[in-house]
Amino acid sequence: MIEIKFSNKFKSDYKNLKKQGFDDDLLIDFLEHLKLVDKISLPVIYKNHSLKGDYKGFFDCHLKSDCVVIYRINNNIVELARIGSHSKLFKKY
């Protein structure tokens, strides 16, 4: 059984997205697919790919054109690290 954990940063990001009218169904559909990830791969529409640099070991998955989820899977635990736009999540300081 897959367990899903939400980082504090993810919770904060999600709260901000909700204020902007984010559609919960996008995240719910993604989580349903993640629960099956050991049986099937994620659908191509998510453009799932591994990340480098600060997020090495994590994956980036597109819920829509400019809304991504950064996550990783360890054993049966899916850790959702961040959610938001590319510009917010990958900006260089």
PDB file of N, CA and C in Angstrom:
ATOM      1  N   MET A   1       0.840  -1.188   0.000  1.00  0.00           N
ATOM      2  CA  MET A   1       0.000   0.000   0.000  1.00  0.00           C
ATOM      3  C   MET A   1       0.883   1.249   0.000  1.00  0.00           C
ATOM      4  N   ILE A   2       0.571   2.179  -0.861  1.00  0.00           N
ATOM      5  CA  ILE A   2       1.316   3.429  -0.980  1.00  0.00           C
ATOM      6  C   ILE A   2       0.813   4.424   0.077  1.00  0.00           C
ATOM      7  N   GLU A   3       1.767   5.032   0.781  1.00  0.00           N
ATOM      8  CA  GLU A   3       1.439   6.086   1.746  1.00  0.00           C
ATOM      9  C   GLU A   3       1.871   7.422   1.141  1.00  0.00           C
ATOM     10  N   ILE A   4       1.038   8.435   1.258  1.00  0.00           N
ATOM     11  CA  ILE A   4       1.355   9.754   0.708  1.00  0.00           C
ATOM     12  C   ILE A   4       1.593  10.724   1.857  1.00  0.00           C
ATOM     13  N   LYS A   5       2.766  11.402   1.787  1.00  0.00           N
ATOM     14  CA  LYS A   5       3.106  12.404   2.801  1.00  0.00           C
ATOM     15  C   LYS A   5       3.270  13.756   2.122  1.00  0.00           C
ATOM     16  N   PHE A   6       2.826  14.788   2.796  1.00  0.00           N
ATOM     17  CA  PHE A   6       2.900  16.153   2.282  1.00  0.00           C
ATOM     18  C   PHE A   6       3.905  16.943   3.116  1.00  0.00           C
ATOM     19  N   SER A   7       4.913  17.517   2.456  1.00  0.00           N
ATOM     20  CA  SER A   7       5.866  18.359   3.186  1.00  0.00           C
ATOM     21  C   SER A   7       5.172  19.649   3.610  1.00  0.00           C
ATOM     22  N   ASN A   8       5.737  20.324   4.592  1.00  0.00           N
ATOM     23  CA  ASN A   8       5.170  21.602   5.030  1.00  0.00           C
ATOM     24  C   ASN A   8       5.186  22.618   3.894  1.00  0.00           C
ATOM     25  N   LYS A   9       6.235  22.591   3.079  1.00  0.00           N
ATOM     26  CA  LYS A   9       6.339  23.513   1.942  1.00  0.00           C
ATOM     27  C   LYS A   9       5.222  23.220   0.934  1.00  0.00           C
ATOM     28  N   PHE A  10       4.945  21.940   0.692  1.00  0.00           N
ATOM     29  CA  PHE A  10       3.856  21.562  -0.210  1.00  0.00           C
ATOM     30  C   PHE A  10       2.529  22.102   0.318  1.00  0.00           C
ATOM     31  N   LYS A  11       2.282  21.930   1.602  1.00  0.00           N
ATOM     32  CA  LYS A  11       1.029  22.402   2.205  1.00  0.00           C
ATOM     33  C   LYS A  11       0.870  23.908   2.025  1.00  0.00           C
ATOM     34  N   SER A  12       1.960  24.637   2.216  1.00  0.00           N
ATOM     35  CA  SER A  12       1.937  26.089   2.044  1.00  0.00           C
ATOM     36  C   SER A  12       1.685  26.464   0.583  1.00  0.00           C
ATOM     37  N   ASP A  13       2.405  25.788  -0.334  1.00  0.00           N
ATOM     38  CA  ASP A  13       2.213  26.028  -1.771  1.00  0.00           C
ATOM     39  C   ASP A  13       0.764  25.765  -2.171  1.00  0.00           C
ATOM     40  N   TYR A  14       0.225  24.646  -1.685  1.00  0.00           N
ATOM     41  CA  TYR A  14      -1.132  24.237  -2.039  1.00  0.00           C
ATOM     42  C   TYR A  14      -2.160  25.249  -1.522  1.00  0.00           C
ATOM     43  N   LYS A  15      -1.952  25.715  -0.320  1.00  0.00           N
ATOM     44  CA  LYS A  15      -2.855  26.716   0.262  1.00  0.00           C
ATOM     45  C   LYS A  15      -2.884  27.974  -0.608  1.00  0.00           C
ATOM     46  N   ASN A  16      -1.715  28.405  -1.084  1.00  0.00           N
ATOM     47  CA  ASN A  16      -1.635  29.575  -1.966  1.00  0.00           C
ATOM     48  C   ASN A  16      -2.332  29.322  -3.300  1.00  0.00           C
ATOM     49  N   LEU A  17      -2.159  28.120  -3.854  1.00  0.00           N
ATOM     50  CA  LEU A  17      -2.832  27.788  -5.115  1.00  0.00           C
ATOM     51  C   LEU A  17      -4.349  27.791  -4.956  1.00  0.00           C
ATOM     52  N   LYS A  18      -4.826  27.271  -3.835  1.00  0.00           N
ATOM     53  CA  LYS A  18      -6.273  27.238  -3.592  1.00  0.00           C
ATOM     54  C   LYS A  18      -6.858  28.647  -3.581  1.00  0.00           C
ATOM     55  N   LYS A  19      -6.120  29.597  -3.040  1.00  0.00           N
ATOM     56  CA  LYS A  19      -6.577  30.989  -3.026  1.00  0.00           C
ATOM     57  C   LYS A  19      -6.701  31.544  -4.439  1.00  0.00           C
ATOM     58  N   GLN A  20      -5.935  30.958  -5.371  1.00  0.00           N
ATOM     59  CA  GLN A  20      -5.954  31.399  -6.767  1.00  0.00           C
ATOM     60  C   GLN A  20      -6.954  30.601  -7.602  1.00  0.00           C
ATOM     61  N   GLY A  21      -7.736  29.728  -6.958  1.00  0.00           N
ATOM     62  CA  GLY A  21      -8.762  28.979  -7.666  1.00  0.00           C
ATOM     63  C   GLY A  21      -8.291  27.667  -8.262  1.00  0.00           C
ATOM     64  N   PHE A  22      -7.253  27.073  -7.712  1.00  0.00           N
ATOM     65  CA  PHE A  22      -6.726  25.801  -8.208  1.00  0.00           C
ATOM     66  C   PHE A  22      -7.794  24.714  -8.161  1.00  0.00           C
ATOM     67  N   ASP A  23      -7.859  23.890  -9.209  1.00  0.00           N
ATOM     68  CA  ASP A  23      -8.822  22.798  -9.324  1.00  0.00           C
ATOM     69  C   ASP A  23      -8.290  21.554  -8.604  1.00  0.00           C
ATOM     70  N   ASP A  24      -8.901  21.193  -7.480  1.00  0.00           N
ATOM     71  CA  ASP A  24      -8.484  20.029  -6.690  1.00  0.00           C
ATOM     72  C   ASP A  24      -8.453  18.739  -7.496  1.00  0.00           C
ATOM     73  N   ASP A  25      -9.338  18.620  -8.468  1.00  0.00           N
ATOM     74  CA  ASP A  25      -9.425  17.390  -9.249  1.00  0.00           C
ATOM     75  C   ASP A  25      -8.118  17.067  -9.964  1.00  0.00           C
ATOM     76  N   LEU A  26      -7.352  18.078 -10.343  1.00  0.00           N
ATOM     77  CA  LEU A  26      -6.061  17.841 -10.998  1.00  0.00           C
ATOM     78  C   LEU A  26      -5.120  17.085 -10.068  1.00  0.00           C
ATOM     79  N   LEU A  27      -5.062  17.502  -8.825  1.00  0.00           N
ATOM     80  CA  LEU A  27      -4.196  16.841  -7.850  1.00  0.00           C
ATOM     81  C   LEU A  27      -4.747  15.470  -7.477  1.00  0.00           C
ATOM     82  N   ILE A  28      -6.042  15.362  -7.303  1.00  0.00           N
ATOM     83  CA  ILE A  28      -6.657  14.080  -6.945  1.00  0.00           C
ATOM     84  C   ILE A  28      -6.396  13.035  -8.024  1.00  0.00           C
ATOM     85  N   ASP A  29      -6.561  13.402  -9.294  1.00  0.00           N
ATOM     86  CA  ASP A  29      -6.291  12.470 -10.395  1.00  0.00           C
ATOM     87  C   ASP A  29      -4.839  12.019 -10.384  1.00  0.00           C
ATOM     88  N   PHE A  30      -3.925  12.971 -10.178  1.00  0.00           N
ATOM     89  CA  PHE A  30      -2.503  12.647 -10.127  1.00  0.00           C
ATOM     90  C   PHE A  30      -2.208  11.667  -8.989  1.00  0.00           C
ATOM     91  N   LEU A  31      -2.767  11.924  -7.814  1.00  0.00           N
ATOM     92  CA  LEU A  31      -2.531  11.043  -6.666  1.00  0.00           C
ATOM     93  C   LEU A  31      -3.083   9.644  -6.912  1.00  0.00           C
ATOM     94  N   GLU A  32      -4.212   9.556  -7.579  1.00  0.00           N
ATOM     95  CA  GLU A  32      -4.767   8.242  -7.926  1.00  0.00           C
ATOM     96  C   GLU A  32      -3.813   7.478  -8.846  1.00  0.00           C
ATOM     97  N   HIS A  33      -3.215   8.180  -9.809  1.00  0.00           N
ATOM     98  CA  HIS A  33      -2.240   7.532 -10.689  1.00  0.00           C
ATOM     99  C   HIS A  33      -0.984   7.121  -9.915  1.00  0.00           C
ATOM    100  N   LEU A  34      -0.556   7.954  -8.977  1.00  0.00           N
ATOM    101  CA  LEU A  34       0.630   7.621  -8.180  1.00  0.00           C
ATOM    102  C   LEU A  34       0.421   6.356  -7.360  1.00  0.00           C
ATOM    103  N   LYS A  35      -0.784   6.143  -6.882  1.00  0.00           N
ATOM    104  CA  LYS A  35      -1.073   4.944  -6.098  1.00  0.00           C
ATOM    105  C   LYS A  35      -0.889   3.679  -6.930  1.00  0.00           C
ATOM    106  N   LEU A  36      -0.979   3.822  -8.252  1.00  0.00           N
ATOM    107  CA  LEU A  36      -0.838   2.680  -9.151  1.00  0.00           C
ATOM    108  C   LEU A  36       0.546   2.603  -9.785  1.00  0.00           C
ATOM    109  N   VAL A  37       1.454   3.482  -9.383  1.00  0.00           N
ATOM    110  CA  VAL A  37       2.735   3.619 -10.069  1.00  0.00           C
ATOM    111  C   VAL A  37       3.552   2.324 -10.078  1.00  0.00           C
ATOM    112  N   ASP A  38       3.359   1.450  -9.090  1.00  0.00           N
ATOM    113  CA  ASP A  38       4.091   0.192  -9.102  1.00  0.00           C
ATOM    114  C   ASP A  38       3.509  -0.797 -10.113  1.00  0.00           C
ATOM    115  N   LYS A  39       2.297  -0.527 -10.557  1.00  0.00           N
ATOM    116  CA  LYS A  39       1.652  -1.415 -11.523  1.00  0.00           C
ATOM    117  C   LYS A  39       1.751  -0.881 -12.948  1.00  0.00           C
ATOM    118  N   ILE A  40       1.674   0.432 -13.097  1.00  0.00           N
ATOM    119  CA  ILE A  40       1.755   1.072 -14.410  1.00  0.00           C
ATOM    120  C   ILE A  40       2.585   2.339 -14.290  1.00  0.00           C
ATOM    121  N   SER A  41       3.054   2.841 -15.405  1.00  0.00           N
ATOM    122  CA  SER A  41       3.754   4.121 -15.354  1.00  0.00           C
ATOM    123  C   SER A  41       2.727   5.247 -15.465  1.00  0.00           C
ATOM    124  N   LEU A  42       3.145   6.447 -15.078  1.00  0.00           N
ATOM    125  CA  LEU A  42       2.236   7.592 -15.158  1.00  0.00           C
ATOM    126  C   LEU A  42       1.901   7.895 -16.611  1.00  0.00           C
ATOM    127  N   PRO A  43       0.696   8.354 -16.888  1.00  0.00           N
ATOM    128  CA  PRO A  43       0.324   8.720 -18.260  1.00  0.00           C
ATOM    129  C   PRO A  43       1.240   9.813 -18.812  1.00  0.00           C
ATOM    130  N   VAL A  44       1.456   9.786 -20.107  1.00  0.00           N
ATOM    131  CA  VAL A  44       2.345  10.726 -20.791  1.00  0.00           C
ATOM    132  C   VAL A  44       1.921  12.176 -20.561  1.00  0.00           C
ATOM    133  N   ILE A  45       0.644  12.430 -20.394  1.00  0.00           N
ATOM    134  CA  ILE A  45       0.169  13.812 -20.221  1.00  0.00           C
ATOM    135  C   ILE A  45       0.825  14.515 -19.035  1.00  0.00           C
ATOM    136  N   TYR A  46       1.322  13.752 -18.063  1.00  0.00           N
ATOM    137  CA  TYR A  46       1.959  14.347 -16.889  1.00  0.00           C
ATOM    138  C   TYR A  46       3.404  14.789 -17.142  1.00  0.00           C
ATOM    139  N   LYS A  47       3.987  14.378 -18.263  1.00  0.00           N
ATOM    140  CA  LYS A  47       5.377  14.751 -18.606  1.00  0.00           C
ATOM    141  C   LYS A  47       6.315  14.509 -17.425  1.00  0.00           C
ATOM    142  N   ASN A  48       6.178  13.360 -16.812  1.00  0.00           N
ATOM    143  CA  ASN A  48       6.961  12.996 -15.639  1.00  0.00           C
ATOM    144  C   ASN A  48       8.434  12.837 -16.002  1.00  0.00           C
ATOM    145  N   HIS A  49       9.320  13.454 -15.227  1.00  0.00           N
ATOM    146  CA  HIS A  49      10.759  13.296 -15.469  1.00  0.00           C
ATOM    147  C   HIS A  49      11.541  13.558 -14.186  1.00  0.00           C
ATOM    148  N   SER A  50      12.741  12.993 -14.139  1.00  0.00           N
ATOM    149  CA  SER A  50      13.591  13.174 -12.962  1.00  0.00           C
ATOM    150  C   SER A  50      14.235  14.550 -12.986  1.00  0.00           C
ATOM    151  N   LEU A  51      14.629  15.008 -11.816  1.00  0.00           N
ATOM    152  CA  LEU A  51      15.229  16.333 -11.675  1.00  0.00           C
ATOM    153  C   LEU A  51      16.696  16.220 -11.277  1.00  0.00           C
ATOM    154  N   LYS A  52      17.415  17.330 -11.474  1.00  0.00           N
ATOM    155  CA  LYS A  52      18.834  17.403 -11.129  1.00  0.00           C
ATOM    156  C   LYS A  52      19.036  18.529 -10.119  1.00  0.00           C
ATOM    157  N   GLY A  53      20.277  18.708  -9.722  1.00  0.00           N
ATOM    158  CA  GLY A  53      20.617  19.827  -8.842  1.00  0.00           C
ATOM    159  C   GLY A  53      20.022  19.683  -7.455  1.00  0.00           C
ATOM    160  N   ASP A  54      19.429  20.766  -6.967  1.00  0.00           N
ATOM    161  CA  ASP A  54      18.858  20.779  -5.619  1.00  0.00           C
ATOM    162  C   ASP A  54      17.779  19.714  -5.428  1.00  0.00           C
ATOM    163  N   TYR A  55      17.147  19.313  -6.510  1.00  0.00           N
ATOM    164  CA  TYR A  55      16.058  18.334  -6.438  1.00  0.00           C
ATOM    165  C   TYR A  55      16.470  16.960  -6.968  1.00  0.00           C
ATOM    166  N   LYS A  56      17.760  16.649  -6.923  1.00  0.00           N
ATOM    167  CA  LYS A  56      18.219  15.332  -7.366  1.00  0.00           C
ATOM    168  C   LYS A  56      17.506  14.260  -6.534  1.00  0.00           C
ATOM    169  N   GLY A  57      16.998  13.236  -7.210  1.00  0.00           N
ATOM    170  CA  GLY A  57      16.249  12.180  -6.534  1.00  0.00           C
ATOM    171  C   GLY A  57      14.746  12.412  -6.538  1.00  0.00           C
ATOM    172  N   PHE A  58      14.336  13.585  -7.003  1.00  0.00           N
ATOM    173  CA  PHE A  58      12.917  13.928  -7.097  1.00  0.00           C
ATOM    174  C   PHE A  58      12.460  13.869  -8.551  1.00  0.00           C
ATOM    175  N   PHE A  59      11.152  13.894  -8.736  1.00  0.00           N
ATOM    176  CA  PHE A  59      10.542  13.939 -10.059  1.00  0.00           C
ATOM    177  C   PHE A  59       9.665  15.171 -10.167  1.00  0.00           C
ATOM    178  N   ASP A  60       9.458  15.598 -11.402  1.00  0.00           N
ATOM    179  CA  ASP A  60       8.622  16.760 -11.732  1.00  0.00           C
ATOM    180  C   ASP A  60       7.502  16.235 -12.607  1.00  0.00           C
ATOM    181  N   CYS A  61       6.281  16.530 -12.230  1.00  0.00           N
ATOM    182  CA  CYS A  61       5.114  16.054 -12.961  1.00  0.00           C
ATOM    183  C   CYS A  61       4.179  17.230 -13.206  1.00  0.00           C
ATOM    184  N   HIS A  62       3.715  17.391 -14.448  1.00  0.00           N
ATOM    185  CA  HIS A  62       2.873  18.526 -14.825  1.00  0.00           C
ATOM    186  C   HIS A  62       1.394  18.193 -14.640  1.00  0.00           C
ATOM    187  N   LEU A  63       0.729  18.953 -13.778  1.00  0.00           N
ATOM    188  CA  LEU A  63      -0.716  18.795 -13.620  1.00  0.00           C
ATOM    189  C   LEU A  63      -1.454  19.556 -14.712  1.00  0.00           C
ATOM    190  N   LYS A  64      -0.871  20.672 -15.136  1.00  0.00           N
ATOM    191  CA  LYS A  64      -1.330  21.437 -16.294  1.00  0.00           C
ATOM    192  C   LYS A  64      -0.117  22.193 -16.813  1.00  0.00           C
ATOM    193  N   SER A  65      -0.283  23.020 -17.821  1.00  0.00           N
ATOM    194  CA  SER A  65       0.867  23.604 -18.516  1.00  0.00           C
ATOM    195  C   SER A  65       1.877  24.276 -17.595  1.00  0.00           C
ATOM    196  N   ASP A  66       1.452  25.051 -16.630  1.00  0.00           N
ATOM    197  CA  ASP A  66       2.410  25.683 -15.729  1.00  0.00           C
ATOM    198  C   ASP A  66       2.063  25.428 -14.268  1.00  0.00           C
ATOM    199  N   CYS A  67       1.770  24.190 -13.973  1.00  0.00           N
ATOM    200  CA  CYS A  67       1.571  23.767 -12.586  1.00  0.00           C
ATOM    201  C   CYS A  67       2.225  22.401 -12.434  1.00  0.00           C
ATOM    202  N   VAL A  68       3.290  22.361 -11.655  1.00  0.00           N
ATOM    203  CA  VAL A  68       4.037  21.119 -11.488  1.00  0.00           C
ATOM    204  C   VAL A  68       4.031  20.672 -10.032  1.00  0.00           C
ATOM    205  N   VAL A  69       4.188  19.369  -9.861  1.00  0.00           N
ATOM    206  CA  VAL A  69       4.354  18.770  -8.544  1.00  0.00           C
ATOM    207  C   VAL A  69       5.753  18.176  -8.502  1.00  0.00           C
ATOM    208  N   ILE A  70       6.481  18.476  -7.445  1.00  0.00           N
ATOM    209  CA  ILE A  70       7.788  17.867  -7.227  1.00  0.00           C
ATOM    210  C   ILE A  70       7.598  16.818  -6.141  1.00  0.00           C
ATOM    211  N   TYR A  71       8.026  15.586  -6.443  1.00  0.00           N
ATOM    212  CA  TYR A  71       7.806  14.486  -5.511  1.00  0.00           C
ATOM    213  C   TYR A  71       8.918  13.455  -5.627  1.00  0.00           C
ATOM    214  N   ARG A  72       8.965  12.556  -4.664  1.00  0.00           N
ATOM    215  CA  ARG A  72       9.862  11.403  -4.742  1.00  0.00           C
ATOM    216  C   ARG A  72       9.171  10.215  -4.101  1.00  0.00           C
ATOM    217  N   ILE A  73       9.641   9.050  -4.477  1.00  0.00           N
ATOM    218  CA  ILE A  73       9.086   7.807  -3.941  1.00  0.00           C
ATOM    219  C   ILE A  73      10.212   7.030  -3.275  1.00  0.00           C
ATOM    220  N   ASN A  74      10.042   6.715  -2.004  1.00  0.00           N
ATOM    221  CA  ASN A  74      10.972   5.872  -1.252  1.00  0.00           C
ATOM    222  C   ASN A  74      10.180   4.707  -0.698  1.00  0.00           C
ATOM    223  N   ASN A  75      10.541   3.508  -1.156  1.00  0.00           N
ATOM    224  CA  ASN A  75       9.801   2.307  -0.771  1.00  0.00           C
ATOM    225  C   ASN A  75       8.331   2.514  -1.109  1.00  0.00           C
ATOM    226  N   ASN A  76       7.453   2.484  -0.157  1.00  0.00           N
ATOM    227  CA  ASN A  76       6.021   2.671  -0.416  1.00  0.00           C
ATOM    228  C   ASN A  76       5.524   4.034   0.034  1.00  0.00           C
ATOM    229  N   ILE A  77       6.452   4.983   0.180  1.00  0.00           N
ATOM    230  CA  ILE A  77       6.077   6.327   0.624  1.00  0.00           C
ATOM    231  C   ILE A  77       6.312   7.325  -0.501  1.00  0.00           C
ATOM    232  N   VAL A  78       5.250   8.053  -0.854  1.00  0.00           N
ATOM    233  CA  VAL A  78       5.353   9.139  -1.829  1.00  0.00           C
ATOM    234  C   VAL A  78       5.400  10.434  -1.034  1.00  0.00           C
ATOM    235  N   GLU A  79       6.494  11.181  -1.207  1.00  0.00           N
ATOM    236  CA  GLU A  79       6.626  12.470  -0.534  1.00  0.00           C
ATOM    237  C   GLU A  79       6.376  13.581  -1.540  1.00  0.00           C
ATOM    238  N   LEU A  80       5.325  14.348  -1.326  1.00  0.00           N
ATOM    239  CA  LEU A  80       5.032  15.501  -2.170  1.00  0.00           C
ATOM    240  C   LEU A  80       5.760  16.695  -1.563  1.00  0.00           C
ATOM    241  N   ALA A  81       6.764  17.204  -2.300  1.00  0.00           N
ATOM    242  CA  ALA A  81       7.641  18.241  -1.765  1.00  0.00           C
ATOM    243  C   ALA A  81       7.146  19.650  -2.062  1.00  0.00           C
ATOM    244  N   ARG A  82       6.736  19.902  -3.309  1.00  0.00           N
ATOM    245  CA  ARG A  82       6.316  21.250  -3.732  1.00  0.00           C
ATOM    246  C   ARG A  82       5.230  21.142  -4.794  1.00  0.00           C
ATOM    247  N   ILE A  83       4.476  22.225  -4.961  1.00  0.00           N
ATOM    248  CA  ILE A  83       3.506  22.346  -6.048  1.00  0.00           C
ATOM    249  C   ILE A  83       3.431  23.822  -6.423  1.00  0.00           C
ATOM    250  N   GLY A  84       3.397  24.095  -7.720  1.00  0.00           N
ATOM    251  CA  GLY A  84       3.310  25.481  -8.176  1.00  0.00           C
ATOM    252  C   GLY A  84       3.815  25.641  -9.596  1.00  0.00           C
ATOM    253  N   SER A  85       4.024  26.881  -9.990  1.00  0.00           N
ATOM    254  CA  SER A  85       4.494  27.173 -11.349  1.00  0.00           C
ATOM    255  C   SER A  85       5.995  26.922 -11.454  1.00  0.00           C
ATOM    256  N   HIS A  86       6.462  26.722 -12.693  1.00  0.00           N
ATOM    257  CA  HIS A  86       7.900  26.560 -12.924  1.00  0.00           C
ATOM    258  C   HIS A  86       8.672  27.747 -12.368  1.00  0.00           C
ATOM    259  N   SER A  87       8.191  28.941 -12.675  1.00  0.00           N
ATOM    260  CA  SER A  87       8.928  30.139 -12.269  1.00  0.00           C
ATOM    261  C   SER A  87       9.045  30.245 -10.746  1.00  0.00           C
ATOM    262  N   LYS A  88       8.036  29.807 -10.029  1.00  0.00           N
ATOM    263  CA  LYS A  88       8.090  29.868  -8.564  1.00  0.00           C
ATOM    264  C   LYS A  88       9.004  28.782  -7.997  1.00  0.00           C
ATOM    265  N   LEU A  89       8.880  27.577  -8.510  1.00  0.00           N
ATOM    266  CA  LEU A  89       9.602  26.451  -7.925  1.00  0.00           C
ATOM    267  C   LEU A  89      11.058  26.361  -8.349  1.00  0.00           C
ATOM    268  N   PHE A  90      11.370  26.856  -9.540  1.00  0.00           N
ATOM    269  CA  PHE A  90      12.724  26.687 -10.057  1.00  0.00           C
ATOM    270  C   PHE A  90      13.475  27.990 -10.246  1.00  0.00           C
ATOM    271  N   LYS A  91      13.022  29.057  -9.609  1.00  0.00           N
ATOM    272  CA  LYS A  91      13.707  30.337  -9.779  1.00  0.00           C
ATOM    273  C   LYS A  91      15.072  30.290  -9.105  1.00  0.00           C
ATOM    274  N   LYS A  92      16.014  30.986  -9.720  1.00  0.00           N
ATOM    275  CA  LYS A  92      17.364  31.098  -9.163  1.00  0.00           C
ATOM    276  C   LYS A  92      17.461  32.406  -8.406  1.00  0.00           C
ATOM    277  N   TYR A  93      18.047  32.363  -7.255  1.00  0.00           N
ATOM    278  CA  TYR A  93      18.151  33.567  -6.425  1.00  0.00           C
ATOM    279  C   TYR A  93      19.409  34.318  -6.746  1.00  0.00           C
TER     280      TYR A  93
END
